[in-house]
N, C-alpha and C. Protein backbone atom coordinates (compact mmCIF):
# COMPACT_ATOMS: atom_id res chain seq x y z
N MET A 1 0.84 -1.18 0.00
CA MET A 1 0.00 0.00 0.00
C MET A 1 0.88 1.24 0.00
N PHE A 2 0.50 2.25 -0.79
CA PHE A 2 1.24 3.50 -0.86
C PHE A 2 0.91 4.35 0.36
N HIS A 3 1.92 4.93 0.99
CA HIS A 3 1.72 5.80 2.14
C HIS A 3 2.45 7.10 1.88
N PHE A 4 1.75 8.23 1.99
CA PHE A 4 2.33 9.53 1.68
C PHE A 4 3.59 9.83 2.49
N SER A 5 3.68 9.36 3.71
CA SER A 5 4.83 9.65 4.55
C SER A 5 6.12 9.05 3.99
N ASN A 6 6.00 8.05 3.12
CA ASN A 6 7.20 7.47 2.53
C ASN A 6 7.90 8.42 1.57
N ILE A 7 7.20 9.43 1.09
CA ILE A 7 7.78 10.40 0.16
C ILE A 7 8.92 11.15 0.82
N VAL A 8 8.78 11.52 2.08
CA VAL A 8 9.76 12.35 2.75
C VAL A 8 10.82 11.56 3.51
N ARG A 9 10.80 10.25 3.40
CA ARG A 9 11.77 9.43 4.11
C ARG A 9 13.05 9.34 3.28
N THR A 10 14.18 9.35 3.95
CA THR A 10 15.45 9.27 3.25
C THR A 10 15.77 7.83 2.90
N LYS A 11 16.69 7.67 1.94
CA LYS A 11 17.07 6.33 1.50
C LYS A 11 17.63 5.55 2.69
N GLY A 12 17.17 4.33 2.84
CA GLY A 12 17.62 3.49 3.95
C GLY A 12 16.66 3.48 5.12
N ASP A 13 15.79 4.50 5.22
CA ASP A 13 14.80 4.49 6.30
C ASP A 13 13.77 3.41 6.02
N PRO A 14 13.25 2.79 7.06
CA PRO A 14 12.19 1.80 6.83
C PRO A 14 10.95 2.47 6.26
N LYS A 15 10.27 1.78 5.37
CA LYS A 15 9.06 2.32 4.75
C LYS A 15 7.85 2.06 5.66
N ILE A 16 6.92 2.99 5.65
CA ILE A 16 5.71 2.85 6.44
C ILE A 16 4.72 2.01 5.64
N VAL A 17 4.30 0.93 6.22
CA VAL A 17 3.35 0.04 5.58
C VAL A 17 1.94 0.35 6.08
N GLU A 18 1.85 0.60 7.37
CA GLU A 18 0.56 0.85 7.99
C GLU A 18 0.76 1.87 9.10
N GLY A 19 -0.18 2.80 9.24
CA GLY A 19 -0.08 3.81 10.29
C GLY A 19 -0.43 3.24 11.64
N GLY A 20 0.29 3.67 12.64
CA GLY A 20 0.03 3.22 13.99
C GLY A 20 -0.86 4.19 14.75
N PRO A 21 -1.01 3.99 16.04
CA PRO A 21 -1.91 4.82 16.83
C PRO A 21 -1.46 6.28 16.92
N SER A 22 -0.16 6.55 16.75
CA SER A 22 0.28 7.94 16.87
C SER A 22 -0.25 8.79 15.72
N LEU A 23 -0.58 8.16 14.59
CA LEU A 23 -1.12 8.93 13.48
C LEU A 23 -2.52 9.44 13.78
N GLY A 24 -3.18 8.89 14.78
CA GLY A 24 -4.52 9.30 15.12
C GLY A 24 -4.58 10.37 16.20
N ARG A 25 -3.43 10.70 16.78
CA ARG A 25 -3.43 11.71 17.84
C ARG A 25 -3.78 13.07 17.26
N PRO A 26 -4.57 13.87 17.96
CA PRO A 26 -4.98 15.18 17.43
C PRO A 26 -3.80 16.07 17.04
N GLU A 27 -2.74 16.08 17.86
CA GLU A 27 -1.61 16.95 17.54
C GLU A 27 -0.90 16.50 16.27
N ASP A 28 -0.87 15.20 16.00
CA ASP A 28 -0.26 14.71 14.77
C ASP A 28 -1.14 15.01 13.56
N ARG A 29 -2.45 14.90 13.75
CA ARG A 29 -3.37 15.23 12.65
C ARG A 29 -3.27 16.72 12.31
N LEU A 30 -3.17 17.58 13.33
CA LEU A 30 -3.02 19.01 13.09
C LEU A 30 -1.70 19.29 12.37
N ALA A 31 -0.63 18.64 12.79
CA ALA A 31 0.67 18.84 12.14
C ALA A 31 0.60 18.44 10.67
N ARG A 32 -0.05 17.31 10.38
CA ARG A 32 -0.19 16.87 8.98
C ARG A 32 -1.03 17.86 8.18
N ALA A 33 -2.12 18.31 8.76
CA ALA A 33 -2.98 19.27 8.05
C ALA A 33 -2.21 20.56 7.74
N LEU A 34 -1.45 21.04 8.72
CA LEU A 34 -0.67 22.26 8.50
C LEU A 34 0.44 22.01 7.47
N GLY A 35 1.02 20.83 7.47
CA GLY A 35 2.04 20.49 6.48
C GLY A 35 1.48 20.52 5.07
N TRP A 36 0.33 19.89 4.87
CA TRP A 36 -0.28 19.89 3.54
C TRP A 36 -0.75 21.29 3.14
N PHE A 37 -1.28 22.04 4.10
CA PHE A 37 -1.66 23.43 3.82
C PHE A 37 -0.45 24.23 3.37
N SER A 38 0.67 24.04 4.05
CA SER A 38 1.90 24.75 3.73
C SER A 38 2.38 24.41 2.32
N ILE A 39 2.31 23.15 1.96
CA ILE A 39 2.73 22.74 0.62
C ILE A 39 1.81 23.37 -0.44
N GLY A 40 0.52 23.36 -0.18
CA GLY A 40 -0.43 23.96 -1.14
C GLY A 40 -0.21 25.46 -1.29
N LEU A 41 -0.07 26.16 -0.17
CA LEU A 41 0.16 27.60 -0.21
C LEU A 41 1.49 27.90 -0.88
N GLY A 42 2.52 27.11 -0.56
CA GLY A 42 3.83 27.31 -1.18
C GLY A 42 3.78 27.11 -2.68
N ALA A 43 3.03 26.12 -3.13
CA ALA A 43 2.90 25.88 -4.57
C ALA A 43 2.23 27.07 -5.24
N LEU A 44 1.20 27.62 -4.60
CA LEU A 44 0.53 28.80 -5.15
C LEU A 44 1.50 29.98 -5.24
N GLU A 45 2.25 30.23 -4.17
CA GLU A 45 3.19 31.34 -4.16
C GLU A 45 4.31 31.13 -5.18
N LEU A 46 4.74 29.90 -5.35
CA LEU A 46 5.83 29.61 -6.28
C LEU A 46 5.37 29.69 -7.73
N LEU A 47 4.18 29.20 -8.01
CA LEU A 47 3.71 29.12 -9.40
C LEU A 47 2.90 30.32 -9.86
N ALA A 48 2.31 31.08 -8.95
CA ALA A 48 1.47 32.23 -9.35
C ALA A 48 1.78 33.46 -8.49
N PRO A 49 3.04 33.88 -8.42
CA PRO A 49 3.38 35.01 -7.55
C PRO A 49 2.74 36.33 -7.99
N ARG A 50 2.58 36.52 -9.30
CA ARG A 50 1.97 37.77 -9.78
C ARG A 50 0.53 37.88 -9.30
N ARG A 51 -0.19 36.77 -9.30
CA ARG A 51 -1.58 36.78 -8.84
C ARG A 51 -1.64 37.18 -7.36
N VAL A 52 -0.70 36.67 -6.58
CA VAL A 52 -0.65 36.99 -5.15
C VAL A 52 -0.34 38.48 -4.95
N THR A 53 0.68 38.98 -5.67
CA THR A 53 1.06 40.39 -5.48
C THR A 53 -0.02 41.35 -5.98
N GLU A 54 -0.71 40.97 -7.06
CA GLU A 54 -1.80 41.83 -7.55
C GLU A 54 -2.96 41.87 -6.56
N THR A 55 -3.25 40.75 -5.95
CA THR A 55 -4.35 40.69 -4.97
C THR A 55 -4.05 41.57 -3.76
N LEU A 56 -2.77 41.69 -3.42
CA LEU A 56 -2.37 42.48 -2.25
C LEU A 56 -1.96 43.91 -2.59
N GLY A 57 -1.93 44.24 -3.88
CA GLY A 57 -1.47 45.57 -4.27
C GLY A 57 0.02 45.76 -4.04
N MET A 58 0.77 44.69 -4.13
CA MET A 58 2.21 44.73 -3.87
C MET A 58 3.00 44.26 -5.09
N GLU A 59 2.58 44.74 -6.28
CA GLU A 59 3.26 44.36 -7.52
C GLU A 59 4.75 44.71 -7.42
N GLY A 60 5.57 43.88 -8.07
CA GLY A 60 7.01 44.09 -8.05
C GLY A 60 7.72 43.25 -7.00
N HIS A 61 6.98 42.53 -6.17
CA HIS A 61 7.58 41.69 -5.12
C HIS A 61 7.42 40.20 -5.43
N GLU A 62 7.36 39.86 -6.72
CA GLU A 62 7.13 38.47 -7.11
C GLU A 62 8.26 37.55 -6.67
N THR A 63 9.50 38.04 -6.73
CA THR A 63 10.63 37.20 -6.32
C THR A 63 10.53 36.86 -4.83
N LEU A 64 10.14 37.84 -4.03
CA LEU A 64 9.97 37.59 -2.60
C LEU A 64 8.87 36.55 -2.37
N VAL A 65 7.77 36.68 -3.10
CA VAL A 65 6.67 35.73 -2.95
C VAL A 65 7.11 34.32 -3.36
N ARG A 66 7.89 34.23 -4.45
CA ARG A 66 8.41 32.92 -4.86
C ARG A 66 9.30 32.31 -3.77
N SER A 67 10.16 33.13 -3.20
CA SER A 67 11.05 32.60 -2.14
C SER A 67 10.24 32.17 -0.93
N PHE A 68 9.17 32.92 -0.61
CA PHE A 68 8.29 32.50 0.49
C PHE A 68 7.61 31.17 0.14
N GLY A 69 7.30 30.98 -1.15
CA GLY A 69 6.69 29.72 -1.58
C GLY A 69 7.61 28.54 -1.36
N VAL A 70 8.89 28.72 -1.68
CA VAL A 70 9.86 27.65 -1.46
C VAL A 70 9.95 27.35 0.04
N ARG A 71 10.01 28.41 0.84
CA ARG A 71 10.08 28.22 2.30
C ARG A 71 8.86 27.46 2.80
N GLU A 72 7.68 27.81 2.31
CA GLU A 72 6.44 27.12 2.72
C GLU A 72 6.49 25.64 2.36
N ILE A 73 6.94 25.33 1.15
CA ILE A 73 6.99 23.93 0.72
C ILE A 73 7.96 23.15 1.59
N VAL A 74 9.14 23.71 1.84
CA VAL A 74 10.13 23.00 2.65
C VAL A 74 9.61 22.79 4.08
N SER A 75 9.03 23.82 4.68
CA SER A 75 8.53 23.64 6.05
C SER A 75 7.33 22.70 6.07
N GLY A 76 6.55 22.67 4.99
CA GLY A 76 5.44 21.72 4.90
C GLY A 76 5.92 20.29 4.84
N ILE A 77 6.95 20.05 4.04
CA ILE A 77 7.53 18.70 3.95
C ILE A 77 8.11 18.30 5.30
N MET A 78 8.78 19.24 5.95
CA MET A 78 9.33 18.93 7.28
C MET A 78 8.22 18.61 8.27
N SER A 79 7.08 19.31 8.15
CA SER A 79 5.96 19.06 9.07
C SER A 79 5.33 17.69 8.85
N LEU A 80 5.53 17.12 7.68
CA LEU A 80 5.01 15.78 7.39
C LEU A 80 6.03 14.69 7.71
N SER A 81 7.24 15.09 8.05
CA SER A 81 8.30 14.11 8.28
C SER A 81 8.29 13.62 9.72
N VAL A 82 9.25 12.76 10.01
CA VAL A 82 9.40 12.23 11.36
C VAL A 82 9.72 13.36 12.34
N ASP A 83 10.50 14.34 11.88
CA ASP A 83 10.87 15.49 12.73
C ASP A 83 9.91 16.64 12.48
N LYS A 84 8.61 16.37 12.65
CA LYS A 84 7.58 17.37 12.37
C LYS A 84 7.71 18.63 13.22
N ASN A 85 8.27 18.50 14.41
CA ASN A 85 8.37 19.65 15.30
C ASN A 85 9.25 20.75 14.68
N ALA A 86 10.34 20.37 14.04
CA ALA A 86 11.21 21.36 13.39
C ALA A 86 10.46 22.06 12.26
N GLY A 87 9.68 21.31 11.51
CA GLY A 87 8.88 21.91 10.43
C GLY A 87 7.84 22.87 10.96
N LEU A 88 7.24 22.52 12.08
CA LEU A 88 6.22 23.41 12.66
C LEU A 88 6.84 24.69 13.20
N TRP A 89 8.02 24.59 13.81
CA TRP A 89 8.69 25.81 14.27
C TRP A 89 9.14 26.65 13.07
N ALA A 90 9.51 26.01 11.97
CA ALA A 90 9.84 26.75 10.76
C ALA A 90 8.61 27.50 10.25
N ARG A 91 7.45 26.87 10.38
CA ARG A 91 6.21 27.54 9.98
C ARG A 91 5.93 28.75 10.88
N VAL A 92 6.18 28.62 12.18
CA VAL A 92 5.96 29.74 13.11
C VAL A 92 6.86 30.92 12.70
N GLY A 93 8.14 30.63 12.44
CA GLY A 93 9.05 31.69 11.99
C GLY A 93 8.61 32.29 10.67
N GLY A 94 8.13 31.45 9.77
CA GLY A 94 7.64 31.93 8.48
C GLY A 94 6.43 32.83 8.62
N ASP A 95 5.58 32.55 9.60
CA ASP A 95 4.42 33.41 9.85
C ASP A 95 4.88 34.83 10.19
N GLY A 96 5.95 34.91 10.98
CA GLY A 96 6.50 36.22 11.32
C GLY A 96 7.03 36.94 10.10
N LEU A 97 7.72 36.22 9.23
CA LEU A 97 8.22 36.83 7.99
C LEU A 97 7.08 37.28 7.09
N ASP A 98 6.05 36.45 6.99
CA ASP A 98 4.88 36.80 6.17
C ASP A 98 4.22 38.08 6.69
N ALA A 99 4.05 38.16 8.01
CA ALA A 99 3.42 39.34 8.61
C ALA A 99 4.26 40.59 8.36
N ALA A 100 5.58 40.47 8.51
CA ALA A 100 6.46 41.63 8.27
C ALA A 100 6.37 42.09 6.82
N ALA A 101 6.36 41.15 5.89
CA ALA A 101 6.27 41.50 4.47
C ALA A 101 4.93 42.17 4.17
N LEU A 102 3.86 41.65 4.75
CA LEU A 102 2.55 42.25 4.51
C LEU A 102 2.44 43.65 5.13
N LEU A 103 3.03 43.82 6.30
CA LEU A 103 2.98 45.15 6.94
C LEU A 103 3.66 46.20 6.07
N SER A 104 4.67 45.80 5.31
CA SER A 104 5.35 46.76 4.44
C SER A 104 4.44 47.23 3.30
N GLY A 105 3.43 46.46 2.99
CA GLY A 105 2.48 46.85 1.94
C GLY A 105 1.29 47.64 2.45
N LEU A 106 1.24 47.85 3.73
CA LEU A 106 0.11 48.56 4.34
C LEU A 106 0.39 50.07 4.30
N THR A 107 0.49 50.61 3.09
CA THR A 107 0.79 52.04 2.90
C THR A 107 -0.47 52.79 2.52
N PRO A 108 -0.49 54.10 2.76
CA PRO A 108 -1.69 54.89 2.44
C PRO A 108 -2.07 54.86 0.96
N ASP A 109 -1.10 54.69 0.08
CA ASP A 109 -1.41 54.71 -1.35
C ASP A 109 -1.77 53.34 -1.92
N ASN A 110 -1.83 52.30 -1.11
CA ASN A 110 -2.18 50.97 -1.58
C ASN A 110 -3.71 50.82 -1.58
N PRO A 111 -4.32 50.67 -2.76
CA PRO A 111 -5.78 50.56 -2.82
C PRO A 111 -6.31 49.21 -2.30
N LYS A 112 -5.43 48.28 -2.05
CA LYS A 112 -5.87 46.94 -1.61
C LYS A 112 -5.47 46.68 -0.16
N LYS A 113 -5.48 47.74 0.66
CA LYS A 113 -5.13 47.59 2.08
C LYS A 113 -6.07 46.62 2.80
N ALA A 114 -7.32 46.59 2.37
CA ALA A 114 -8.29 45.69 3.02
C ALA A 114 -7.87 44.23 2.81
N ASN A 115 -7.35 43.91 1.64
CA ASN A 115 -6.88 42.54 1.39
C ASN A 115 -5.68 42.20 2.27
N ILE A 116 -4.81 43.19 2.46
CA ILE A 116 -3.66 42.97 3.33
C ILE A 116 -4.12 42.77 4.77
N ALA A 117 -5.08 43.56 5.21
CA ALA A 117 -5.60 43.42 6.57
C ALA A 117 -6.21 42.03 6.76
N LEU A 118 -6.95 41.57 5.76
CA LEU A 118 -7.53 40.23 5.83
C LEU A 118 -6.44 39.15 5.87
N ALA A 119 -5.42 39.31 5.04
CA ALA A 119 -4.32 38.35 5.03
C ALA A 119 -3.59 38.34 6.37
N LEU A 120 -3.41 39.51 6.98
CA LEU A 120 -2.76 39.58 8.30
C LEU A 120 -3.60 38.87 9.36
N ALA A 121 -4.91 39.04 9.29
CA ALA A 121 -5.79 38.36 10.25
C ALA A 121 -5.70 36.84 10.07
N MET A 122 -5.65 36.39 8.81
CA MET A 122 -5.55 34.95 8.54
C MET A 122 -4.21 34.42 9.04
N ILE A 123 -3.14 35.18 8.80
CA ILE A 123 -1.82 34.74 9.28
C ILE A 123 -1.80 34.67 10.79
N GLY A 124 -2.47 35.61 11.46
CA GLY A 124 -2.54 35.57 12.93
C GLY A 124 -3.19 34.29 13.42
N GLY A 125 -4.30 33.90 12.78
CA GLY A 125 -4.98 32.67 13.18
C GLY A 125 -4.15 31.44 12.89
N ILE A 126 -3.54 31.41 11.72
CA ILE A 126 -2.71 30.27 11.35
C ILE A 126 -1.48 30.19 12.25
N ALA A 127 -0.92 31.37 12.60
CA ALA A 127 0.26 31.39 13.48
C ALA A 127 -0.08 30.77 14.84
N MET A 128 -1.29 31.04 15.33
CA MET A 128 -1.69 30.42 16.61
C MET A 128 -1.77 28.90 16.48
N LEU A 129 -2.32 28.41 15.35
CA LEU A 129 -2.37 26.96 15.13
C LEU A 129 -0.97 26.38 15.01
N ASP A 130 -0.10 27.08 14.27
CA ASP A 130 1.29 26.61 14.11
C ASP A 130 1.98 26.52 15.47
N TYR A 131 1.81 27.56 16.28
CA TYR A 131 2.45 27.59 17.60
C TYR A 131 1.92 26.47 18.48
N LYS A 132 0.60 26.27 18.48
CA LYS A 132 0.00 25.20 19.28
C LYS A 132 0.52 23.84 18.83
N ALA A 133 0.56 23.62 17.52
CA ALA A 133 1.04 22.34 17.01
C ALA A 133 2.51 22.13 17.35
N ALA A 134 3.31 23.20 17.26
CA ALA A 134 4.74 23.08 17.60
C ALA A 134 4.91 22.75 19.08
N GLN A 135 4.12 23.38 19.93
CA GLN A 135 4.19 23.10 21.36
C GLN A 135 3.75 21.66 21.66
N ASP A 136 2.65 21.24 21.02
CA ASP A 136 2.08 19.92 21.30
C ASP A 136 2.93 18.76 20.78
N THR A 137 3.73 19.01 19.74
CA THR A 137 4.55 17.94 19.18
C THR A 137 6.00 18.00 19.67
N ALA A 138 6.28 18.89 20.60
CA ALA A 138 7.65 18.99 21.13
C ALA A 138 8.02 17.67 21.80
N PRO A 139 9.26 17.24 21.63
CA PRO A 139 9.68 15.99 22.28
C PRO A 139 9.50 16.09 23.80
N LYS A 140 8.94 15.06 24.36
CA LYS A 140 8.69 15.03 25.81
C LYS A 140 9.92 14.51 26.53
N ARG A 141 10.33 15.21 27.54
CA ARG A 141 11.47 14.77 28.35
C ARG A 141 10.94 14.09 29.60
N PRO A 142 11.61 13.03 30.01
CA PRO A 142 11.16 12.38 31.25
C PRO A 142 11.41 13.30 32.44
N SER A 143 10.61 13.15 33.46
CA SER A 143 10.78 13.99 34.64
C SER A 143 12.12 13.64 35.31
N PRO A 144 12.70 14.58 36.02
CA PRO A 144 13.99 14.31 36.67
C PRO A 144 13.93 13.15 37.66
N ASN A 145 12.75 12.86 38.19
CA ASN A 145 12.60 11.79 39.17
C ASN A 145 12.32 10.43 38.53
N ALA A 146 12.16 10.40 37.21
CA ALA A 146 11.84 9.14 36.53
C ALA A 146 13.03 8.19 36.58
N ARG A 147 12.71 6.92 36.72
CA ARG A 147 13.77 5.91 36.73
C ARG A 147 14.20 5.63 35.30
N ARG A 148 15.49 5.56 35.10
CA ARG A 148 16.02 5.22 33.78
C ARG A 148 15.90 3.73 33.57
N LYS A 149 15.50 3.35 32.37
CA LYS A 149 15.43 1.94 32.03
C LYS A 149 16.77 1.54 31.43
N LEU A 150 17.35 0.53 31.98
CA LEU A 150 18.62 0.03 31.48
C LEU A 150 18.41 -1.35 30.87
N TYR A 151 19.02 -1.58 29.75
CA TYR A 151 18.88 -2.85 29.06
C TYR A 151 20.28 -3.42 28.77
N PRO A 152 21.03 -3.80 29.79
CA PRO A 152 22.40 -4.26 29.54
C PRO A 152 22.47 -5.61 28.83
N ASN A 153 21.42 -6.40 28.91
CA ASN A 153 21.46 -7.74 28.32
C ASN A 153 20.89 -7.79 26.91
N ARG A 154 20.53 -6.64 26.34
CA ARG A 154 19.95 -6.64 25.01
C ARG A 154 21.01 -6.28 23.98
N SER A 155 21.00 -7.01 22.87
CA SER A 155 21.98 -6.76 21.82
C SER A 155 21.37 -5.98 20.67
N GLY A 156 20.06 -5.95 20.57
CA GLY A 156 19.41 -5.31 19.43
C GLY A 156 19.12 -6.30 18.32
N PHE A 157 19.53 -7.54 18.50
CA PHE A 157 19.29 -8.59 17.52
C PHE A 157 18.30 -9.58 18.12
N PRO A 158 17.14 -9.77 17.51
CA PRO A 158 16.11 -10.62 18.12
C PRO A 158 16.54 -12.06 18.35
N LYS A 159 17.43 -12.60 17.52
CA LYS A 159 17.85 -14.00 17.69
C LYS A 159 19.22 -14.09 18.33
N GLY A 160 19.71 -12.96 18.85
CA GLY A 160 21.00 -12.96 19.53
C GLY A 160 22.15 -12.62 18.60
N LEU A 161 23.25 -12.25 19.20
CA LEU A 161 24.43 -11.83 18.46
C LEU A 161 25.05 -12.97 17.64
N PRO A 162 25.14 -14.20 18.16
CA PRO A 162 25.72 -15.27 17.34
C PRO A 162 24.92 -15.53 16.06
N ALA A 163 23.60 -15.46 16.13
CA ALA A 163 22.77 -15.66 14.94
C ALA A 163 22.99 -14.54 13.93
N ALA A 164 23.18 -13.32 14.42
CA ALA A 164 23.43 -12.18 13.53
C ALA A 164 24.78 -12.35 12.83
N ARG A 165 25.79 -12.81 13.56
CA ARG A 165 27.11 -13.04 12.96
C ARG A 165 27.03 -14.14 11.88
N ASP A 166 26.33 -15.23 12.21
CA ASP A 166 26.19 -16.32 11.24
C ASP A 166 25.49 -15.83 9.97
N ARG A 167 24.46 -15.05 10.13
CA ARG A 167 23.72 -14.53 8.96
C ARG A 167 24.61 -13.59 8.14
N ALA A 168 25.42 -12.76 8.80
CA ALA A 168 26.33 -11.86 8.09
C ALA A 168 27.35 -12.67 7.29
N LYS A 169 27.89 -13.75 7.90
CA LYS A 169 28.85 -14.60 7.19
C LYS A 169 28.19 -15.23 5.96
N GLU A 170 26.95 -15.70 6.10
CA GLU A 170 26.22 -16.27 4.97
C GLU A 170 26.10 -15.27 3.83
N LEU A 171 25.73 -14.04 4.17
CA LEU A 171 25.55 -13.02 3.15
C LEU A 171 26.87 -12.67 2.46
N VAL A 172 27.95 -12.60 3.22
CA VAL A 172 29.26 -12.30 2.64
C VAL A 172 29.67 -13.44 1.72
N ASN A 173 29.51 -14.68 2.16
CA ASN A 173 29.86 -15.84 1.33
C ASN A 173 29.03 -15.86 0.05
N LYS A 174 27.75 -15.56 0.16
CA LYS A 174 26.86 -15.55 -1.00
C LYS A 174 27.28 -14.45 -1.98
N ALA A 175 27.59 -13.26 -1.46
CA ALA A 175 28.01 -12.15 -2.32
C ALA A 175 29.35 -12.47 -2.99
N THR A 176 30.26 -13.08 -2.24
CA THR A 176 31.58 -13.43 -2.80
C THR A 176 31.41 -14.48 -3.90
N ALA A 177 30.53 -15.44 -3.66
CA ALA A 177 30.31 -16.50 -4.64
C ALA A 177 29.71 -15.93 -5.92
N SER A 178 28.79 -14.97 -5.82
CA SER A 178 28.16 -14.41 -7.01
C SER A 178 29.12 -13.53 -7.80
N VAL A 179 30.09 -12.92 -7.12
CA VAL A 179 31.07 -12.07 -7.79
C VAL A 179 32.09 -12.92 -8.54
N THR A 180 32.49 -14.04 -7.94
CA THR A 180 33.52 -14.89 -8.55
C THR A 180 32.97 -15.77 -9.66
N SER A 181 31.66 -15.99 -9.71
CA SER A 181 31.11 -16.87 -10.76
C SER A 181 30.66 -16.12 -11.98
């Protein structure tokens, strides 16, 4: 089965076959929704910057809008990855950049100030969601009083270290045999 999360996994990472219970947590669902929203908005900014600048009365800033689009796409992909918290904090920072850029267009001679005001209000609401999602997905640290779990007798190999060594020798012999034949 195809799983969207496999798109952002690096080579060598295990592929996701089926989602577990963590995919159903509200904070993870919000992070995914914000990630996909970010990718969609970034695609719009990257592919149609003139339309965005005309709507805001900020013609001439298409390059800035394109760069914001790239930033949105990257932070969206990060929000969908295993390290979603970094992507969400990138979105929070991006909200600040978006607001600063929009404030620069809030000039007396801009006939589309109302559109900028609406965009600022939307960014404010989205920024609150981004901040909440970033806070909720932050890695949890154990309390200072928590007992550490120690596993001195575990090797990480389910059948034990000797079985892992034997299997490695088999694979090396097999590879050597296929190269020499």
